[in-house]
Protein backbone atom coordinates (compact mmCIF):
# COMPACT_ATOMS: atom_id res chain seq x y z
CA THR A 1 87.95 80.40 107.30
CA LYS A 2 84.71 78.88 106.99
CA SER A 3 84.34 77.46 103.67
CA GLN A 4 81.16 79.02 102.59
CA ASN A 5 83.02 82.74 103.28
CA LEU A 6 85.95 81.42 101.12
CA ALA A 7 86.62 83.10 97.99
CA GLY A 8 87.02 79.50 96.40
CA GLU A 9 86.40 76.10 96.86
CA ARG A 10 88.32 73.87 99.23
CA ILE A 11 88.99 70.30 99.49
CA LEU A 12 90.34 69.24 103.09
CA GLY A 13 92.52 65.71 102.86
CA ASN A 14 93.14 63.68 105.64
CA ASN A 15 93.37 66.85 108.15
CA THR A 16 92.84 70.46 108.16
CA TYR A 17 96.39 71.17 107.33
CA THR A 18 96.16 69.21 103.73
CA GLY A 19 93.87 69.62 100.72
CA SER A 20 93.58 71.49 97.95
CA TYR A 21 92.06 75.25 96.99
CA THR A 22 91.21 77.17 93.97
CA SER A 23 89.88 80.65 94.12
CA GLU A 24 89.00 83.05 91.27
CA ALA A 25 88.78 86.39 92.86
CA ASN A 26 87.19 89.65 91.46
CA ASN A 27 88.68 92.37 93.20
CA ARG A 28 89.43 90.67 96.95
CA ASN A 29 90.50 92.41 99.76
CA GLY A 30 91.26 90.72 103.19
CA ARG A 31 92.74 87.13 104.32
CA GLU A 32 91.43 83.88 104.25
CA VAL A 33 92.63 81.09 106.21
CA ILE A 34 92.78 78.32 104.05
CA PHE A 35 94.91 75.34 106.03
CA GLY A 36 96.04 74.90 109.40
CA GLY A 37 94.95 75.14 113.09
CA ALA A 38 96.28 74.49 116.75
CA SER A 39 98.13 70.76 117.17
CA THR A 40 100.43 69.23 119.80
CA LYS A 41 101.73 67.16 117.36
CA GLU A 42 104.62 68.17 114.43
CA LYS A 43 103.46 68.11 110.93
CA ALA A 44 105.53 68.17 107.84
CA LEU A 45 104.03 69.54 104.51
CA ILE A 46 104.82 70.40 101.18
CA LEU A 47 102.88 73.20 100.06
CA SER A 48 102.65 74.17 96.12
CA GLY A 49 100.64 76.42 94.05
CA THR A 50 100.13 79.26 91.39
CA ILE A 51 98.87 82.93 91.53
CA GLU A 52 97.72 84.42 87.94
CA THR A 53 97.21 87.62 88.70
CA GLU A 54 95.40 90.14 86.25
CA SER A 55 95.56 93.05 88.63
CA GLY A 56 96.11 93.76 92.40
CA GLU A 57 98.46 91.50 94.88
CA ALA A 58 97.91 88.23 96.45
CA TYR A 59 100.27 86.78 98.76
CA ILE A 60 100.85 83.25 100.62
CA ARG A 61 101.25 83.69 104.17
CA ILE A 62 102.14 81.00 106.47
CA ARG A 63 102.16 81.42 110.37
CA GLN A 64 104.13 79.25 112.54
CA ASN A 65 103.13 80.39 115.99
CA GLU A 66 104.34 83.86 116.19
CA THR A 67 106.77 83.70 113.07
CA VAL A 68 105.42 84.82 109.69
CA VAL A 69 106.51 84.08 106.23
CA PHE A 70 105.82 84.84 102.70
CA PRO A 71 106.90 81.94 100.08
CA THR A 72 108.88 83.29 97.41
CA VAL A 73 106.89 83.15 94.23
CA LYS A 74 108.62 82.99 90.74
CA GLU A 75 108.09 85.39 87.85
CA ASP A 76 105.66 82.50 86.25
CA GLY A 77 103.82 82.76 89.10
CA THR A 78 104.56 79.38 90.72
CA PHE A 79 105.57 78.39 94.08
CA ARG A 80 106.73 75.18 96.47
CA THR A 81 108.04 75.46 99.75
CA GLU A 82 108.37 72.46 102.57
CA LEU A 83 106.94 73.32 105.98
CA LEU A 84 107.77 72.05 109.33
CA PHE A 85 105.14 72.98 111.65
CA SER A 86 105.95 72.58 115.16
CA SER A 87 103.20 72.04 117.99
CA GLY A 88 101.22 75.28 118.50
CA GLY A 89 99.08 77.62 115.81
CA ASN A 90 100.16 77.02 112.39
CA TYR A 91 98.01 78.36 109.32
CA ILE A 92 98.33 78.60 105.40
CA MET A 93 96.45 81.88 104.25
CA ILE A 94 96.20 84.10 101.25
CA GLU A 95 96.38 87.88 101.69
CA TYR A 96 94.41 89.60 98.85
CA HIS A 97 94.74 93.22 98.30
CA ASN A 98 92.00 94.20 95.26
CA PHE A 99 93.31 91.09 93.37
CA THR A 100 91.66 89.76 90.39
CA GLY A 101 93.13 86.65 88.79
CA THR A 102 93.22 83.01 90.15
CA VAL A 103 95.33 81.10 93.07
CA THR A 104 95.37 77.71 93.13
CA LEU A 105 97.23 75.76 96.71
CA THR A 106 98.03 72.28 97.27
CA SER A 107 99.11 71.00 100.72
CA GLN A 108 100.17 67.78 101.08
CA GLN A 109 102.01 65.61 104.21
CA ASN A 110 105.81 65.45 103.39
């Protein structure tokens, strides 16, 4: 997703797989690609963040080639997961469903 089309602000790190993102959404729907891309090299990452929900739902969606996973979010809205992206297309996304609230993400190399 192009930066100007995101609900929030993305600051990229050394590559398109790392950085930070903060979104203050108001009744947002849809899916945004925050980090990722296609690569021939493996990437080891730590993804962490917080989802603060006022209404609706927001999910962190991780696509590793054909496999899609949703990290477990604790009751307090926090999550942390270690990722090993193999070569191919790997993307970290947010999926919004009538979501109002704040989402913060940090992706860093492991």
